[in-house]
Amino acid sequence: MTLMVVCTNPNCKKEFPSMIQMDQVSFQTATLTNNSQPCPYCKKMITYSKNNMKFE
Protein backbone atom coordinates (compact mmCIF):
# COMPACT_ATOMS: atom_id res chain seq x y z
CA MET A 1 0.00 0.00 0.00
CA THR A 2 1.08 3.56 -0.70
CA LEU A 3 0.71 6.51 1.65
CA MET A 4 -1.14 9.18 -0.31
CA VAL A 5 -1.56 12.93 0.23
CA VAL A 6 -4.58 15.01 -0.76
CA CYS A 7 -3.49 18.39 -2.11
CA THR A 8 -4.57 21.21 0.21
CA ASN A 9 -4.97 23.69 -2.66
CA PRO A 10 -8.75 24.23 -2.90
CA ASN A 11 -8.50 24.43 -6.70
CA CYS A 12 -6.74 21.07 -6.97
CA LYS A 13 -7.53 18.52 -4.21
CA LYS A 14 -5.87 15.71 -6.22
CA GLU A 15 -4.20 12.75 -4.53
CA PHE A 16 -0.58 11.80 -5.03
CA PRO A 17 2.04 9.61 -3.29
CA SER A 18 3.64 11.12 -0.21
CA MET A 19 7.42 11.43 0.01
CA ILE A 20 6.94 9.97 3.49
CA GLN A 21 6.39 6.23 3.36
CA MET A 22 5.71 3.86 6.25
CA ASP A 23 3.54 0.89 7.07
CA GLN A 24 0.00 1.25 8.43
CA VAL A 25 0.98 0.26 11.97
CA SER A 26 3.63 3.00 12.14
CA PHE A 27 1.20 5.49 10.62
CA GLN A 28 -1.30 4.88 13.44
CA THR A 29 1.24 5.90 16.10
CA ALA A 30 3.19 8.56 14.17
CA THR A 31 2.80 12.28 14.72
CA LEU A 32 2.74 13.85 11.27
CA THR A 33 2.28 17.63 11.20
CA ASN A 34 3.49 20.49 9.03
CA ASN A 35 4.98 18.35 6.27
CA SER A 36 5.71 20.15 3.00
CA GLN A 37 5.79 18.77 -0.51
CA PRO A 38 5.05 20.18 -3.97
CA CYS A 39 1.88 18.91 -5.60
CA PRO A 40 2.80 17.28 -8.92
CA TYR A 41 -0.48 18.49 -10.45
CA CYS A 42 -0.87 22.16 -9.49
CA LYS A 43 2.85 22.66 -8.63
CA LYS A 44 1.98 24.51 -5.40
CA MET A 45 4.07 23.79 -2.30
CA ILE A 46 1.55 22.43 0.18
CA THR A 47 1.74 21.83 3.91
CA TYR A 48 -0.14 18.80 5.13
CA SER A 49 -0.77 16.76 8.25
CA LYS A 50 -1.95 13.26 9.05
CA ASN A 51 -5.56 14.20 8.33
CA ASN A 52 -4.60 14.92 4.67
CA MET A 53 -3.06 11.44 4.25
CA LYS A 54 -4.45 7.98 3.59
CA PHE A 55 -3.36 4.56 2.40
CA GLU A 56 -4.32 3.18 -1.01
PDB file of N, CA and C in Angstrom:
ATOM      1  N   MET A   1       0.840  -1.184   0.000  1.00  0.00           N
ATOM      2  CA  MET A   1       0.000   0.000   0.000  1.00  0.00           C
ATOM      3  C   MET A   1       0.882   1.244   0.000  1.00  0.00           C
ATOM      4  N   THR A   2       0.348   2.307  -0.579  1.00  0.00           N
ATOM      5  CA  THR A   2       1.085   3.564  -0.695  1.00  0.00           C
ATOM      6  C   THR A   2       0.414   4.628   0.152  1.00  0.00           C
ATOM      7  N   LEU A   3       1.216   5.397   0.862  1.00  0.00           N
ATOM      8  CA  LEU A   3       0.709   6.511   1.648  1.00  0.00           C
ATOM      9  C   LEU A   3       0.484   7.688   0.703  1.00  0.00           C
ATOM     10  N   MET A   4      -0.755   8.131   0.616  1.00  0.00           N
ATOM     11  CA  MET A   4      -1.140   9.180  -0.313  1.00  0.00           C
ATOM     12  C   MET A   4      -1.448  10.486   0.426  1.00  0.00           C
ATOM     13  N   VAL A   5      -1.256  11.596  -0.279  1.00  0.00           N
ATOM     14  CA  VAL A   5      -1.562  12.927   0.234  1.00  0.00           C
ATOM     15  C   VAL A   5      -2.660  13.521  -0.638  1.00  0.00           C
ATOM     16  N   VAL A   6      -3.566  14.247  -0.019  1.00  0.00           N
ATOM     17  CA  VAL A   6      -4.576  15.008  -0.757  1.00  0.00           C
ATOM     18  C   VAL A   6      -4.096  16.449  -0.778  1.00  0.00           C
ATOM     19  N   CYS A   7      -3.965  17.015  -1.973  1.00  0.00           N
ATOM     20  CA  CYS A   7      -3.494  18.392  -2.112  1.00  0.00           C
ATOM     21  C   CYS A   7      -4.409  19.334  -1.324  1.00  0.00           C
ATOM     22  N   THR A   8      -3.808  20.264  -0.607  1.00  0.00           N
ATOM     23  CA  THR A   8      -4.572  21.208   0.209  1.00  0.00           C
ATOM     24  C   THR A   8      -4.980  22.459  -0.563  1.00  0.00           C
ATOM     25  N   ASN A   9      -4.556  22.570  -1.813  1.00  0.00           N
ATOM     26  CA  ASN A   9      -4.966  23.687  -2.663  1.00  0.00           C
ATOM     27  C   ASN A   9      -6.445  23.482  -3.018  1.00  0.00           C
ATOM     28  N   PRO A  10      -7.323  24.411  -2.650  1.00  0.00           N
ATOM     29  CA  PRO A  10      -8.752  24.230  -2.899  1.00  0.00           C
ATOM     30  C   PRO A  10      -9.108  24.086  -4.383  1.00  0.00           C
ATOM     31  N   ASN A  11      -8.244  24.552  -5.262  1.00  0.00           N
ATOM     32  CA  ASN A  11      -8.499  24.434  -6.698  1.00  0.00           C
ATOM     33  C   ASN A  11      -7.978  23.132  -7.290  1.00  0.00           C
ATOM     34  N   CYS A  12      -7.337  22.315  -6.486  1.00  0.00           N
ATOM     35  CA  CYS A  12      -6.738  21.070  -6.973  1.00  0.00           C
ATOM     36  C   CYS A  12      -7.362  19.851  -6.293  1.00  0.00           C
ATOM     37  N   LYS A  13      -7.009  19.635  -5.031  1.00  0.00           N
ATOM     38  CA  LYS A  13      -7.530  18.525  -4.207  1.00  0.00           C
ATOM     39  C   LYS A  13      -7.222  17.134  -4.769  1.00  0.00           C
ATOM     40  N   LYS A  14      -6.225  17.017  -5.652  1.00  0.00           N
ATOM     41  CA  LYS A  14      -5.874  15.707  -6.215  1.00  0.00           C
ATOM     42  C   LYS A  14      -4.995  14.936  -5.245  1.00  0.00           C
ATOM     43  N   GLU A  15      -5.013  13.629  -5.385  1.00  0.00           N
ATOM     44  CA  GLU A  15      -4.200  12.749  -4.534  1.00  0.00           C
ATOM     45  C   GLU A  15      -2.925  12.363  -5.266  1.00  0.00           C
ATOM     46  N   PHE A  16      -1.848  12.227  -4.472  1.00  0.00           N
ATOM     47  CA  PHE A  16      -0.576  11.800  -5.030  1.00  0.00           C
ATOM     48  C   PHE A  16       0.239  11.126  -3.935  1.00  0.00           C
ATOM     49  N   PRO A  17       1.239  10.315  -4.291  1.00  0.00           N
ATOM     50  CA  PRO A  17       2.041   9.609  -3.285  1.00  0.00           C
ATOM     51  C   PRO A  17       2.854  10.577  -2.430  1.00  0.00           C
ATOM     52  N   SER A  18       2.856  10.331  -1.148  1.00  0.00           N
ATOM     53  CA  SER A  18       3.645  11.120  -0.209  1.00  0.00           C
ATOM     54  C   SER A  18       5.119  10.751  -0.326  1.00  0.00           C
ATOM     55  N   MET A  19       5.984  11.725  -0.070  1.00  0.00           N
ATOM     56  CA  MET A  19       7.418  11.432   0.006  1.00  0.00           C
ATOM     57  C   MET A  19       7.709  10.633   1.275  1.00  0.00           C
ATOM     58  N   ILE A  20       6.814  10.724   2.254  1.00  0.00           N
ATOM     59  CA  ILE A  20       6.940   9.970   3.495  1.00  0.00           C
ATOM     60  C   ILE A  20       6.262   8.625   3.288  1.00  0.00           C
ATOM     61  N   GLN A  21       6.977   7.555   3.500  1.00  0.00           N
ATOM     62  CA  GLN A  21       6.391   6.232   3.364  1.00  0.00           C
ATOM     63  C   GLN A  21       6.649   5.426   4.631  1.00  0.00           C
ATOM     64  N   MET A  22       5.627   4.717   5.066  1.00  0.00           N
ATOM     65  CA  MET A  22       5.711   3.863   6.251  1.00  0.00           C
ATOM     66  C   MET A  22       4.591   2.851   6.179  1.00  0.00           C
ATOM     67  N   ASP A  23       4.624   1.869   7.055  1.00  0.00           N
ATOM     68  CA  ASP A  23       3.535   0.894   7.075  1.00  0.00           C
ATOM     69  C   ASP A  23       2.357   1.447   7.875  1.00  0.00           C
ATOM     70  N   GLN A  24       1.220   0.769   7.769  1.00  0.00           N
ATOM     71  CA  GLN A  24       0.004   1.251   8.426  1.00  0.00           C
ATOM     72  C   GLN A  24       0.107   1.254   9.940  1.00  0.00           C
ATOM     73  N   VAL A  25       0.824   0.308  10.514  1.00  0.00           N
ATOM     74  CA  VAL A  25       0.985   0.256  11.969  1.00  0.00           C
ATOM     75  C   VAL A  25       1.764   1.482  12.446  1.00  0.00           C
ATOM     76  N   SER A  26       2.842   1.807  11.776  1.00  0.00           N
ATOM     77  CA  SER A  26       3.632   2.996  12.140  1.00  0.00           C
ATOM     78  C   SER A  26       2.822   4.270  11.947  1.00  0.00           C
ATOM     79  N   PHE A  27       2.019   4.314  10.900  1.00  0.00           N
ATOM     80  CA  PHE A  27       1.201   5.489  10.620  1.00  0.00           C
ATOM     81  C   PHE A  27       0.231   5.772  11.767  1.00  0.00           C
ATOM     82  N   GLN A  28      -0.332   4.712  12.350  1.00  0.00           N
ATOM     83  CA  GLN A  28      -1.300   4.883  13.439  1.00  0.00           C
ATOM     84  C   GLN A  28      -0.681   5.567  14.659  1.00  0.00           C
ATOM     85  N   THR A  29       0.596   5.339  14.910  1.00  0.00           N
ATOM     86  CA  THR A  29       1.239   5.901  16.098  1.00  0.00           C
ATOM     87  C   THR A  29       2.104   7.123  15.803  1.00  0.00           C
ATOM     88  N   ALA A  30       2.320   7.431  14.540  1.00  0.00           N
ATOM     89  CA  ALA A  30       3.193   8.556  14.165  1.00  0.00           C
ATOM     90  C   ALA A  30       2.494   9.894  14.369  1.00  0.00           C
ATOM     91  N   THR A  31       3.279  10.910  14.667  1.00  0.00           N
ATOM     92  CA  THR A  31       2.800  12.284  14.715  1.00  0.00           C
ATOM     93  C   THR A  31       3.294  12.955  13.445  1.00  0.00           C
ATOM     94  N   LEU A  32       2.387  13.262  12.565  1.00  0.00           N
ATOM     95  CA  LEU A  32       2.744  13.853  11.271  1.00  0.00           C
ATOM     96  C   LEU A  32       2.062  15.202  11.135  1.00  0.00           C
ATOM     97  N   THR A  33       2.829  16.281  11.319  1.00  0.00           N
ATOM     98  CA  THR A  33       2.281  17.630  11.199  1.00  0.00           C
ATOM     99  C   THR A  33       3.254  18.511  10.432  1.00  0.00           C
ATOM    100  N   ASN A  34       2.716  19.484   9.750  1.00  0.00           N
ATOM    101  CA  ASN A  34       3.494  20.494   9.032  1.00  0.00           C
ATOM    102  C   ASN A  34       4.528  19.908   8.074  1.00  0.00           C
ATOM    103  N   ASN A  35       4.125  18.908   7.315  1.00  0.00           N
ATOM    104  CA  ASN A  35       4.982  18.347   6.273  1.00  0.00           C
ATOM    105  C   ASN A  35       4.760  19.152   4.998  1.00  0.00           C
ATOM    106  N   SER A  36       5.819  19.386   4.237  1.00  0.00           N
ATOM    107  CA  SER A  36       5.709  20.150   2.996  1.00  0.00           C
ATOM    108  C   SER A  36       6.172  19.313   1.823  1.00  0.00           C
ATOM    109  N   GLN A  37       5.469  19.504   0.704  1.00  0.00           N
ATOM    110  CA  GLN A  37       5.792  18.771  -0.509  1.00  0.00           C
ATOM    111  C   GLN A  37       5.100  19.483  -1.671  1.00  0.00           C
ATOM    112  N   PRO A  38       5.744  19.577  -2.830  1.00  0.00           N
ATOM    113  CA  PRO A  38       5.053  20.177  -3.971  1.00  0.00           C
ATOM    114  C   PRO A  38       4.038  19.204  -4.564  1.00  0.00           C
ATOM    115  N   CYS A  39       2.897  19.724  -4.928  1.00  0.00           N
ATOM    116  CA  CYS A  39       1.885  18.909  -5.601  1.00  0.00           C
ATOM    117  C   CYS A  39       2.328  18.726  -7.054  1.00  0.00           C
ATOM    118  N   PRO A  40       2.369  17.490  -7.539  1.00  0.00           N
ATOM    119  CA  PRO A  40       2.802  17.276  -8.923  1.00  0.00           C
ATOM    120  C   PRO A  40       1.773  17.746  -9.962  1.00  0.00           C
ATOM    121  N   TYR A  41       0.567  18.062  -9.524  1.00  0.00           N
ATOM    122  CA  TYR A  41      -0.485  18.493 -10.447  1.00  0.00           C
ATOM    123  C   TYR A  41      -0.565  20.011 -10.566  1.00  0.00           C
ATOM    124  N   CYS A  42      -0.734  20.698  -9.440  1.00  0.00           N
ATOM    125  CA  CYS A  42      -0.867  22.163  -9.488  1.00  0.00           C
ATOM    126  C   CYS A  42       0.461  22.884  -9.253  1.00  0.00           C
ATOM    127  N   LYS A  43       1.486  22.141  -8.850  1.00  0.00           N
ATOM    128  CA  LYS A  43       2.847  22.663  -8.629  1.00  0.00           C
ATOM    129  C   LYS A  43       2.973  23.560  -7.403  1.00  0.00           C
ATOM    130  N   LYS A  44       1.924  23.687  -6.613  1.00  0.00           N
ATOM    131  CA  LYS A  44       1.976  24.510  -5.405  1.00  0.00           C
ATOM    132  C   LYS A  44       2.641  23.726  -4.284  1.00  0.00           C
ATOM    133  N   MET A  45       3.479  24.405  -3.493  1.00  0.00           N
ATOM    134  CA  MET A  45       4.066  23.793  -2.302  1.00  0.00           C
ATOM    135  C   MET A  45       2.975  23.760  -1.242  1.00  0.00           C
ATOM    136  N   ILE A  46       2.626  22.561  -0.807  1.00  0.00           N
ATOM    137  CA  ILE A  46       1.554  22.427   0.175  1.00  0.00           C
ATOM    138  C   ILE A  46       2.121  21.973   1.517  1.00  0.00           C
ATOM    139  N   THR A  47       1.435  22.315   2.562  1.00  0.00           N
ATOM    140  CA  THR A  47       1.741  21.833   3.905  1.00  0.00           C
ATOM    141  C   THR A  47       0.578  20.938   4.315  1.00  0.00           C
ATOM    142  N   TYR A  48       0.910  19.750   4.795  1.00  0.00           N
ATOM    143  CA  TYR A  48      -0.139  18.798   5.133  1.00  0.00           C
ATOM    144  C   TYR A  48       0.172  18.077   6.429  1.00  0.00           C
ATOM    145  N   SER A  49      -0.864  17.505   6.995  1.00  0.00           N
ATOM    146  CA  SER A  49      -0.770  16.758   8.247  1.00  0.00           C
ATOM    147  C   SER A  49      -1.379  15.376   8.043  1.00  0.00           C
ATOM    148  N   LYS A  50      -1.426  14.620   9.101  1.00  0.00           N
ATOM    149  CA  LYS A  50      -1.946  13.256   9.051  1.00  0.00           C
ATOM    150  C   LYS A  50      -3.373  13.202   8.509  1.00  0.00           C
ATOM    151  N   ASN A  51      -4.174  14.220   8.798  1.00  0.00           N
ATOM    152  CA  ASN A  51      -5.559  14.203   8.333  1.00  0.00           C
ATOM    153  C   ASN A  51      -5.691  14.409   6.825  1.00  0.00           C
ATOM    154  N   ASN A  52      -4.604  14.787   6.129  1.00  0.00           N
ATOM    155  CA  ASN A  52      -4.595  14.920   4.672  1.00  0.00           C
ATOM    156  C   ASN A  52      -3.961  13.702   4.007  1.00  0.00           C
ATOM    157  N   MET A  53      -3.743  12.623   4.772  1.00  0.00           N
ATOM    158  CA  MET A  53      -3.056  11.444   4.253  1.00  0.00           C
ATOM    159  C   MET A  53      -3.935  10.209   4.392  1.00  0.00           C
ATOM    160  N   LYS A  54      -3.724   9.244   3.491  1.00  0.00           N
ATOM    161  CA  LYS A  54      -4.448   7.979   3.586  1.00  0.00           C
ATOM    162  C   LYS A  54      -3.678   6.918   2.820  1.00  0.00           C
ATOM    163  N   PHE A  55      -3.984   5.668   3.113  1.00  0.00           N
ATOM    164  CA  PHE A  55      -3.364   4.558   2.400  1.00  0.00           C
ATOM    165  C   PHE A  55      -4.246   4.107   1.255  1.00  0.00           C
ATOM    166  N   GLU A  56      -3.612   3.762   0.137  1.00  0.00           N
ATOM    167  CA  GLU A  56      -4.318   3.176  -1.008  1.00  0.00           C
ATOM    168  C   GLU A  56      -3.567   1.956  -1.460  1.00  0.00           C
TER     169      GLU A  56
END
